[in-house]
Amino acid sequence: MSFTQAFTDHHRHCDETFARAEDAAQQGDWTRARADFDAFAKAMAAHFGSEEETLFPAFEERTGMRQGPTQVMRMEHQQMRQLLGEMTAALDAKDADGFAGAAETLLVLMQQHNMKEEHMLYPMCDRALGDDGALLEKTRAELARA
């Protein structure tokens, strides 16, 4: 397994959980929407945490690139965290339109973000860190927490 495969698989897991939450909210099933959204938010927190605390620092240390793609990904993570907060507030208020609006924005941002990671950053990580099996296992364990 590679970093690309591990993190891409986790993207798919997040996408599926997100879709379930979005579907439940559209149907007005707020109990299911909350449960699915909470699972999605937990998965996203694990994903961001593994990247920001483990993968990105190791990549930056190995390559010396600290102002490049990892910096952009961290900024996009912050944007996504803000949208997750908006979605939480909409769920609390049982505001289907507010939830859908934030979800639509988040979906577009996630799609663009994931493409950059899957086609550029993760392959760069594989090239720079692919010989570090312990690091790969650590990131896989972190992702499995979600």
N, C-alpha and C. Protein backbone atom coordinates (compact mmCIF):
# COMPACT_ATOMS: atom_id res chain seq x y z
N MET A 1 0.86 -1.18 0.00
CA MET A 1 0.00 0.00 0.00
C MET A 1 0.90 1.23 0.00
N SER A 2 0.40 2.30 -0.61
CA SER A 2 1.12 3.56 -0.69
C SER A 2 0.35 4.64 0.08
N PHE A 3 0.99 5.78 0.28
CA PHE A 3 0.29 6.92 0.88
C PHE A 3 -0.87 7.32 -0.02
N THR A 4 -0.63 7.32 -1.33
CA THR A 4 -1.69 7.68 -2.28
C THR A 4 -2.90 6.78 -2.08
N GLN A 5 -2.68 5.48 -2.01
CA GLN A 5 -3.79 4.54 -1.88
C GLN A 5 -4.50 4.70 -0.54
N ALA A 6 -3.74 4.80 0.54
CA ALA A 6 -4.34 4.90 1.88
C ALA A 6 -5.21 6.15 2.00
N PHE A 7 -4.67 7.28 1.58
CA PHE A 7 -5.43 8.53 1.73
C PHE A 7 -6.55 8.64 0.70
N THR A 8 -6.35 8.12 -0.50
CA THR A 8 -7.43 8.13 -1.50
C THR A 8 -8.59 7.24 -1.03
N ASP A 9 -8.27 6.09 -0.48
CA ASP A 9 -9.33 5.23 0.07
C ASP A 9 -10.10 5.96 1.16
N HIS A 10 -9.38 6.70 1.99
CA HIS A 10 -10.06 7.43 3.07
C HIS A 10 -10.90 8.57 2.51
N HIS A 11 -10.45 9.20 1.43
CA HIS A 11 -11.29 10.21 0.77
C HIS A 11 -12.63 9.59 0.39
N ARG A 12 -12.61 8.38 -0.18
CA ARG A 12 -13.85 7.73 -0.62
C ARG A 12 -14.74 7.43 0.58
N HIS A 13 -14.14 6.99 1.66
CA HIS A 13 -14.92 6.74 2.89
C HIS A 13 -15.60 8.04 3.35
N CYS A 14 -14.86 9.13 3.36
CA CYS A 14 -15.43 10.43 3.76
C CYS A 14 -16.55 10.84 2.81
N ASP A 15 -16.31 10.67 1.52
CA ASP A 15 -17.32 11.04 0.51
C ASP A 15 -18.63 10.28 0.72
N GLU A 16 -18.52 8.98 0.99
CA GLU A 16 -19.72 8.15 1.18
C GLU A 16 -20.48 8.58 2.44
N THR A 17 -19.75 8.87 3.50
CA THR A 17 -20.39 9.29 4.75
C THR A 17 -21.05 10.65 4.57
N PHE A 18 -20.38 11.54 3.86
CA PHE A 18 -20.93 12.86 3.56
C PHE A 18 -22.23 12.73 2.78
N ALA A 19 -22.25 11.87 1.78
CA ALA A 19 -23.45 11.69 0.95
C ALA A 19 -24.62 11.19 1.78
N ARG A 20 -24.36 10.28 2.72
CA ARG A 20 -25.44 9.79 3.59
C ARG A 20 -26.01 10.92 4.45
N ALA A 21 -25.13 11.75 5.00
CA ALA A 21 -25.60 12.87 5.83
C ALA A 21 -26.41 13.85 5.01
N GLU A 22 -25.92 14.15 3.82
CA GLU A 22 -26.61 15.09 2.94
C GLU A 22 -27.99 14.55 2.55
N ASP A 23 -28.07 13.27 2.23
CA ASP A 23 -29.34 12.65 1.86
C ASP A 23 -30.33 12.69 3.02
N ALA A 24 -29.86 12.37 4.22
CA ALA A 24 -30.74 12.38 5.39
C ALA A 24 -31.27 13.78 5.66
N ALA A 25 -30.42 14.79 5.53
CA ALA A 25 -30.86 16.17 5.76
C ALA A 25 -31.89 16.60 4.72
N GLN A 26 -31.67 16.20 3.48
CA GLN A 26 -32.63 16.54 2.42
C GLN A 26 -33.99 15.91 2.69
N GLN A 27 -33.99 14.74 3.31
CA GLN A 27 -35.24 14.05 3.63
C GLN A 27 -35.85 14.54 4.95
N GLY A 28 -35.13 15.42 5.64
CA GLY A 28 -35.64 15.92 6.91
C GLY A 28 -35.50 14.94 8.06
N ASP A 29 -34.69 13.91 7.88
CA ASP A 29 -34.44 12.93 8.92
C ASP A 29 -33.26 13.44 9.76
N TRP A 30 -33.57 14.32 10.70
CA TRP A 30 -32.52 15.03 11.43
C TRP A 30 -31.73 14.13 12.37
N THR A 31 -32.35 13.07 12.87
CA THR A 31 -31.62 12.14 13.73
C THR A 31 -30.55 11.41 12.93
N ARG A 32 -30.94 10.90 11.77
CA ARG A 32 -29.98 10.20 10.91
C ARG A 32 -28.96 11.17 10.34
N ALA A 33 -29.42 12.38 9.99
CA ALA A 33 -28.49 13.39 9.45
C ALA A 33 -27.42 13.72 10.48
N ARG A 34 -27.82 13.86 11.73
CA ARG A 34 -26.85 14.18 12.79
C ARG A 34 -25.85 13.03 12.97
N ALA A 35 -26.36 11.80 13.02
CA ALA A 35 -25.47 10.65 13.21
C ALA A 35 -24.48 10.52 12.05
N ASP A 36 -24.98 10.65 10.83
CA ASP A 36 -24.10 10.53 9.66
C ASP A 36 -23.14 11.71 9.57
N PHE A 37 -23.63 12.90 9.89
CA PHE A 37 -22.75 14.07 9.85
C PHE A 37 -21.66 13.95 10.91
N ASP A 38 -22.03 13.50 12.11
CA ASP A 38 -21.03 13.33 13.16
C ASP A 38 -19.96 12.33 12.75
N ALA A 39 -20.37 11.25 12.08
CA ALA A 39 -19.39 10.26 11.59
C ALA A 39 -18.50 10.89 10.52
N PHE A 40 -19.10 11.70 9.65
CA PHE A 40 -18.34 12.40 8.61
C PHE A 40 -17.34 13.38 9.24
N ALA A 41 -17.80 14.17 10.20
CA ALA A 41 -16.92 15.15 10.84
C ALA A 41 -15.77 14.45 11.56
N LYS A 42 -16.05 13.30 12.18
CA LYS A 42 -15.00 12.53 12.86
C LYS A 42 -13.99 12.02 11.84
N ALA A 43 -14.47 11.52 10.71
CA ALA A 43 -13.58 11.03 9.65
C ALA A 43 -12.72 12.17 9.09
N MET A 44 -13.33 13.32 8.90
CA MET A 44 -12.57 14.47 8.38
C MET A 44 -11.52 14.92 9.39
N ALA A 45 -11.86 14.93 10.67
CA ALA A 45 -10.90 15.32 11.71
C ALA A 45 -9.71 14.35 11.72
N ALA A 46 -9.98 13.06 11.59
CA ALA A 46 -8.90 12.07 11.55
C ALA A 46 -8.03 12.28 10.31
N HIS A 47 -8.68 12.56 9.19
CA HIS A 47 -7.96 12.76 7.93
C HIS A 47 -7.07 13.99 8.01
N PHE A 48 -7.66 15.12 8.41
CA PHE A 48 -6.88 16.35 8.52
C PHE A 48 -5.75 16.17 9.53
N GLY A 49 -6.06 15.53 10.66
CA GLY A 49 -5.06 15.33 11.70
C GLY A 49 -3.88 14.50 11.21
N SER A 50 -4.17 13.41 10.51
CA SER A 50 -3.09 12.56 10.01
C SER A 50 -2.22 13.32 9.01
N GLU A 51 -2.86 14.08 8.15
CA GLU A 51 -2.07 14.86 7.18
C GLU A 51 -1.26 15.95 7.88
N GLU A 52 -1.91 16.74 8.72
CA GLU A 52 -1.27 17.93 9.31
C GLU A 52 -0.25 17.58 10.39
N GLU A 53 -0.48 16.49 11.12
CA GLU A 53 0.40 16.16 12.24
C GLU A 53 1.45 15.10 11.89
N THR A 54 1.21 14.31 10.85
CA THR A 54 2.12 13.21 10.54
C THR A 54 2.68 13.32 9.12
N LEU A 55 1.80 13.23 8.12
CA LEU A 55 2.26 13.16 6.73
C LEU A 55 2.96 14.44 6.28
N PHE A 56 2.31 15.58 6.45
CA PHE A 56 2.89 16.83 5.94
C PHE A 56 4.21 17.16 6.62
N PRO A 57 4.31 17.08 7.95
CA PRO A 57 5.61 17.38 8.57
C PRO A 57 6.73 16.45 8.08
N ALA A 58 6.42 15.17 7.90
CA ALA A 58 7.44 14.23 7.41
C ALA A 58 7.86 14.60 5.98
N PHE A 59 6.88 14.93 5.15
CA PHE A 59 7.17 15.34 3.78
C PHE A 59 8.02 16.61 3.76
N GLU A 60 7.63 17.58 4.57
CA GLU A 60 8.37 18.85 4.63
C GLU A 60 9.80 18.63 5.12
N GLU A 61 9.95 17.78 6.11
CA GLU A 61 11.29 17.50 6.65
C GLU A 61 12.16 16.82 5.59
N ARG A 62 11.58 15.86 4.89
CA ARG A 62 12.36 15.09 3.92
C ARG A 62 12.70 15.92 2.68
N THR A 63 11.77 16.79 2.24
CA THR A 63 11.98 17.53 0.99
C THR A 63 12.46 18.96 1.18
N GLY A 64 12.25 19.51 2.37
CA GLY A 64 12.57 20.92 2.59
C GLY A 64 11.51 21.87 2.06
N MET A 65 10.43 21.33 1.48
CA MET A 65 9.35 22.17 0.93
C MET A 65 8.34 22.48 2.02
N ARG A 66 8.41 23.70 2.56
CA ARG A 66 7.50 24.09 3.63
C ARG A 66 6.48 25.14 3.16
N GLN A 67 6.74 25.77 2.07
CA GLN A 67 5.85 26.83 1.57
C GLN A 67 5.11 26.39 0.31
N GLY A 68 5.08 25.12 0.04
CA GLY A 68 4.49 24.63 -1.19
C GLY A 68 3.12 24.03 -1.02
N PRO A 69 2.93 22.83 -1.55
CA PRO A 69 1.60 22.24 -1.59
C PRO A 69 1.01 21.97 -0.21
N THR A 70 1.83 21.65 0.78
CA THR A 70 1.27 21.36 2.10
C THR A 70 0.68 22.62 2.73
N GLN A 71 1.27 23.76 2.45
CA GLN A 71 0.72 25.01 2.98
C GLN A 71 -0.65 25.28 2.37
N VAL A 72 -0.79 25.06 1.07
CA VAL A 72 -2.08 25.25 0.39
C VAL A 72 -3.13 24.29 0.96
N MET A 73 -2.73 23.04 1.18
CA MET A 73 -3.68 22.05 1.72
C MET A 73 -4.13 22.45 3.12
N ARG A 74 -3.22 22.95 3.94
CA ARG A 74 -3.61 23.40 5.29
C ARG A 74 -4.62 24.54 5.22
N MET A 75 -4.42 25.48 4.30
CA MET A 75 -5.37 26.59 4.16
C MET A 75 -6.73 26.07 3.73
N GLU A 76 -6.75 25.12 2.83
CA GLU A 76 -8.02 24.55 2.38
C GLU A 76 -8.69 23.75 3.51
N HIS A 77 -7.89 23.09 4.34
CA HIS A 77 -8.46 22.40 5.50
C HIS A 77 -9.20 23.39 6.39
N GLN A 78 -8.62 24.56 6.59
CA GLN A 78 -9.27 25.58 7.42
C GLN A 78 -10.60 26.02 6.81
N GLN A 79 -10.63 26.19 5.50
CA GLN A 79 -11.88 26.56 4.83
C GLN A 79 -12.93 25.47 5.04
N MET A 80 -12.50 24.22 4.94
CA MET A 80 -13.44 23.11 5.12
C MET A 80 -13.91 23.03 6.57
N ARG A 81 -13.04 23.29 7.51
CA ARG A 81 -13.45 23.29 8.93
C ARG A 81 -14.51 24.35 9.17
N GLN A 82 -14.37 25.49 8.53
CA GLN A 82 -15.36 26.56 8.68
C GLN A 82 -16.72 26.10 8.13
N LEU A 83 -16.70 25.45 7.00
CA LEU A 83 -17.94 24.95 6.41
C LEU A 83 -18.55 23.84 7.27
N LEU A 84 -17.73 22.99 7.87
CA LEU A 84 -18.24 21.98 8.79
C LEU A 84 -18.94 22.65 9.97
N GLY A 85 -18.40 23.75 10.44
CA GLY A 85 -19.05 24.50 11.51
C GLY A 85 -20.40 25.05 11.08
N GLU A 86 -20.46 25.56 9.86
CA GLU A 86 -21.74 26.08 9.34
C GLU A 86 -22.76 24.95 9.21
N MET A 87 -22.30 23.78 8.79
CA MET A 87 -23.21 22.65 8.65
C MET A 87 -23.70 22.19 10.02
N THR A 88 -22.83 22.21 11.02
CA THR A 88 -23.23 21.86 12.38
C THR A 88 -24.31 22.80 12.88
N ALA A 89 -24.11 24.10 12.67
CA ALA A 89 -25.10 25.09 13.10
C ALA A 89 -26.43 24.88 12.38
N ALA A 90 -26.38 24.57 11.10
CA ALA A 90 -27.60 24.32 10.34
C ALA A 90 -28.32 23.06 10.86
N LEU A 91 -27.55 22.04 11.19
CA LEU A 91 -28.16 20.83 11.76
C LEU A 91 -28.82 21.14 13.09
N ASP A 92 -28.13 21.91 13.93
CA ASP A 92 -28.68 22.27 15.23
C ASP A 92 -30.01 23.00 15.08
N ALA A 93 -30.10 23.83 14.03
CA ALA A 93 -31.32 24.61 13.79
C ALA A 93 -32.33 23.87 12.91
N LYS A 94 -31.97 22.66 12.49
CA LYS A 94 -32.80 21.90 11.54
C LYS A 94 -33.13 22.75 10.32
N ASP A 95 -32.09 23.43 9.82
CA ASP A 95 -32.18 24.33 8.68
C ASP A 95 -31.70 23.60 7.43
N ALA A 96 -32.64 23.00 6.71
CA ALA A 96 -32.29 22.21 5.53
C ALA A 96 -31.61 23.05 4.46
N ASP A 97 -32.09 24.27 4.24
CA ASP A 97 -31.48 25.12 3.21
C ASP A 97 -30.07 25.55 3.60
N GLY A 98 -29.88 25.90 4.86
CA GLY A 98 -28.54 26.28 5.32
C GLY A 98 -27.57 25.12 5.24
N PHE A 99 -28.05 23.94 5.61
CA PHE A 99 -27.20 22.74 5.54
C PHE A 99 -26.84 22.46 4.09
N ALA A 100 -27.84 22.51 3.21
CA ALA A 100 -27.59 22.20 1.79
C ALA A 100 -26.64 23.21 1.16
N GLY A 101 -26.77 24.48 1.51
CA GLY A 101 -25.89 25.49 0.94
C GLY A 101 -24.44 25.28 1.35
N ALA A 102 -24.21 25.05 2.63
CA ALA A 102 -22.85 24.79 3.11
C ALA A 102 -22.33 23.47 2.55
N ALA A 103 -23.20 22.47 2.46
CA ALA A 103 -22.80 21.16 1.93
C ALA A 103 -22.38 21.28 0.47
N GLU A 104 -23.11 22.06 -0.30
CA GLU A 104 -22.77 22.23 -1.72
C GLU A 104 -21.40 22.88 -1.87
N THR A 105 -21.15 23.92 -1.08
CA THR A 105 -19.86 24.60 -1.13
C THR A 105 -18.75 23.64 -0.69
N LEU A 106 -19.00 22.89 0.37
CA LEU A 106 -18.00 21.94 0.87
C LEU A 106 -17.72 20.86 -0.18
N LEU A 107 -18.75 20.38 -0.83
CA LEU A 107 -18.56 19.33 -1.83
C LEU A 107 -17.62 19.79 -2.95
N VAL A 108 -17.85 21.00 -3.46
CA VAL A 108 -17.01 21.53 -4.53
C VAL A 108 -15.56 21.68 -4.03
N LEU A 109 -15.40 22.23 -2.84
CA LEU A 109 -14.07 22.42 -2.27
C LEU A 109 -13.38 21.07 -2.07
N MET A 110 -14.10 20.09 -1.53
CA MET A 110 -13.51 18.76 -1.31
C MET A 110 -13.10 18.12 -2.62
N GLN A 111 -13.92 18.23 -3.65
CA GLN A 111 -13.59 17.62 -4.94
C GLN A 111 -12.30 18.21 -5.50
N GLN A 112 -12.19 19.53 -5.46
CA GLN A 112 -10.99 20.19 -5.97
C GLN A 112 -9.77 19.84 -5.13
N HIS A 113 -9.95 19.87 -3.82
CA HIS A 113 -8.88 19.57 -2.87
C HIS A 113 -8.38 18.14 -3.06
N ASN A 114 -9.30 17.20 -3.13
CA ASN A 114 -8.94 15.79 -3.25
C ASN A 114 -8.19 15.52 -4.55
N MET A 115 -8.59 16.18 -5.63
CA MET A 115 -7.89 16.01 -6.91
C MET A 115 -6.44 16.46 -6.78
N LYS A 116 -6.21 17.59 -6.14
CA LYS A 116 -4.84 18.08 -5.97
C LYS A 116 -4.02 17.11 -5.14
N GLU A 117 -4.62 16.61 -4.07
CA GLU A 117 -3.88 15.67 -3.22
C GLU A 117 -3.62 14.36 -3.94
N GLU A 118 -4.65 13.80 -4.56
CA GLU A 118 -4.54 12.47 -5.15
C GLU A 118 -3.65 12.43 -6.39
N HIS A 119 -3.62 13.53 -7.13
CA HIS A 119 -2.85 13.54 -8.38
C HIS A 119 -1.51 14.25 -8.28
N MET A 120 -1.32 15.03 -7.21
CA MET A 120 -0.06 15.75 -7.08
C MET A 120 0.64 15.45 -5.76
N LEU A 121 0.01 15.82 -4.64
CA LEU A 121 0.71 15.76 -3.36
C LEU A 121 0.98 14.33 -2.90
N TYR A 122 -0.01 13.46 -2.93
CA TYR A 122 0.23 12.10 -2.45
C TYR A 122 1.30 11.38 -3.28
N PRO A 123 1.28 11.48 -4.61
CA PRO A 123 2.38 10.86 -5.35
C PRO A 123 3.75 11.46 -4.98
N MET A 124 3.79 12.76 -4.68
CA MET A 124 5.03 13.37 -4.22
C MET A 124 5.45 12.76 -2.88
N CYS A 125 4.48 12.52 -2.00
CA CYS A 125 4.76 11.88 -0.71
C CYS A 125 5.27 10.46 -0.92
N ASP A 126 4.67 9.74 -1.86
CA ASP A 126 5.13 8.38 -2.14
C ASP A 126 6.58 8.39 -2.60
N ARG A 127 6.94 9.34 -3.46
CA ARG A 127 8.31 9.41 -3.94
C ARG A 127 9.28 9.79 -2.81
N ALA A 128 8.87 10.74 -1.98
CA ALA A 128 9.76 11.23 -0.91
C ALA A 128 9.81 10.32 0.30
N LEU A 129 8.68 9.66 0.61
CA LEU A 129 8.56 8.92 1.88
C LEU A 129 8.27 7.44 1.70
N GLY A 130 8.20 6.98 0.48
CA GLY A 130 7.77 5.61 0.20
C GLY A 130 8.59 4.53 0.86
N ASP A 131 9.80 4.87 1.29
CA ASP A 131 10.64 3.88 1.95
C ASP A 131 10.39 3.80 3.46
N ASP A 132 9.46 4.62 3.95
CA ASP A 132 9.21 4.69 5.40
C ASP A 132 7.93 3.93 5.74
N GLY A 133 8.09 2.62 5.89
CA GLY A 133 6.94 1.77 6.19
C GLY A 133 6.29 2.08 7.52
N ALA A 134 7.10 2.50 8.50
CA ALA A 134 6.54 2.83 9.82
C ALA A 134 5.64 4.05 9.72
N LEU A 135 6.04 5.03 8.92
CA LEU A 135 5.22 6.23 8.74
C LEU A 135 3.91 5.88 8.05
N LEU A 136 3.98 5.03 7.05
CA LEU A 136 2.75 4.61 6.35
C LEU A 136 1.82 3.90 7.32
N GLU A 137 2.34 3.01 8.12
CA GLU A 137 1.50 2.30 9.09
C GLU A 137 0.90 3.26 10.11
N LYS A 138 1.68 4.24 10.53
CA LYS A 138 1.16 5.24 11.48
C LYS A 138 0.00 6.01 10.87
N THR A 139 0.14 6.46 9.63
CA THR A 139 -0.95 7.22 9.00
C THR A 139 -2.17 6.33 8.79
N ARG A 140 -1.96 5.08 8.42
CA ARG A 140 -3.09 4.17 8.24
C ARG A 140 -3.85 3.96 9.55
N ALA A 141 -3.11 3.85 10.65
CA ALA A 141 -3.75 3.69 11.96
C ALA A 141 -4.54 4.95 12.33
N GLU A 142 -3.96 6.11 12.02
CA GLU A 142 -4.65 7.37 12.31
C GLU A 142 -5.95 7.48 11.51
N LEU A 143 -5.91 7.10 10.26
CA LEU A 143 -7.11 7.16 9.42
C LEU A 143 -8.16 6.16 9.87
N ALA A 144 -7.71 5.03 10.39
CA ALA A 144 -8.65 3.99 10.84
C ALA A 144 -9.43 4.40 12.07
N ARG A 145 -9.01 5.46 12.75
CA ARG A 145 -9.73 5.91 13.94
C ARG A 145 -11.10 6.49 13.60
N ALA A 146 -11.30 6.79 12.34
CA ALA A 146 -12.57 7.45 11.95
C ALA A 146 -13.66 6.44 11.69
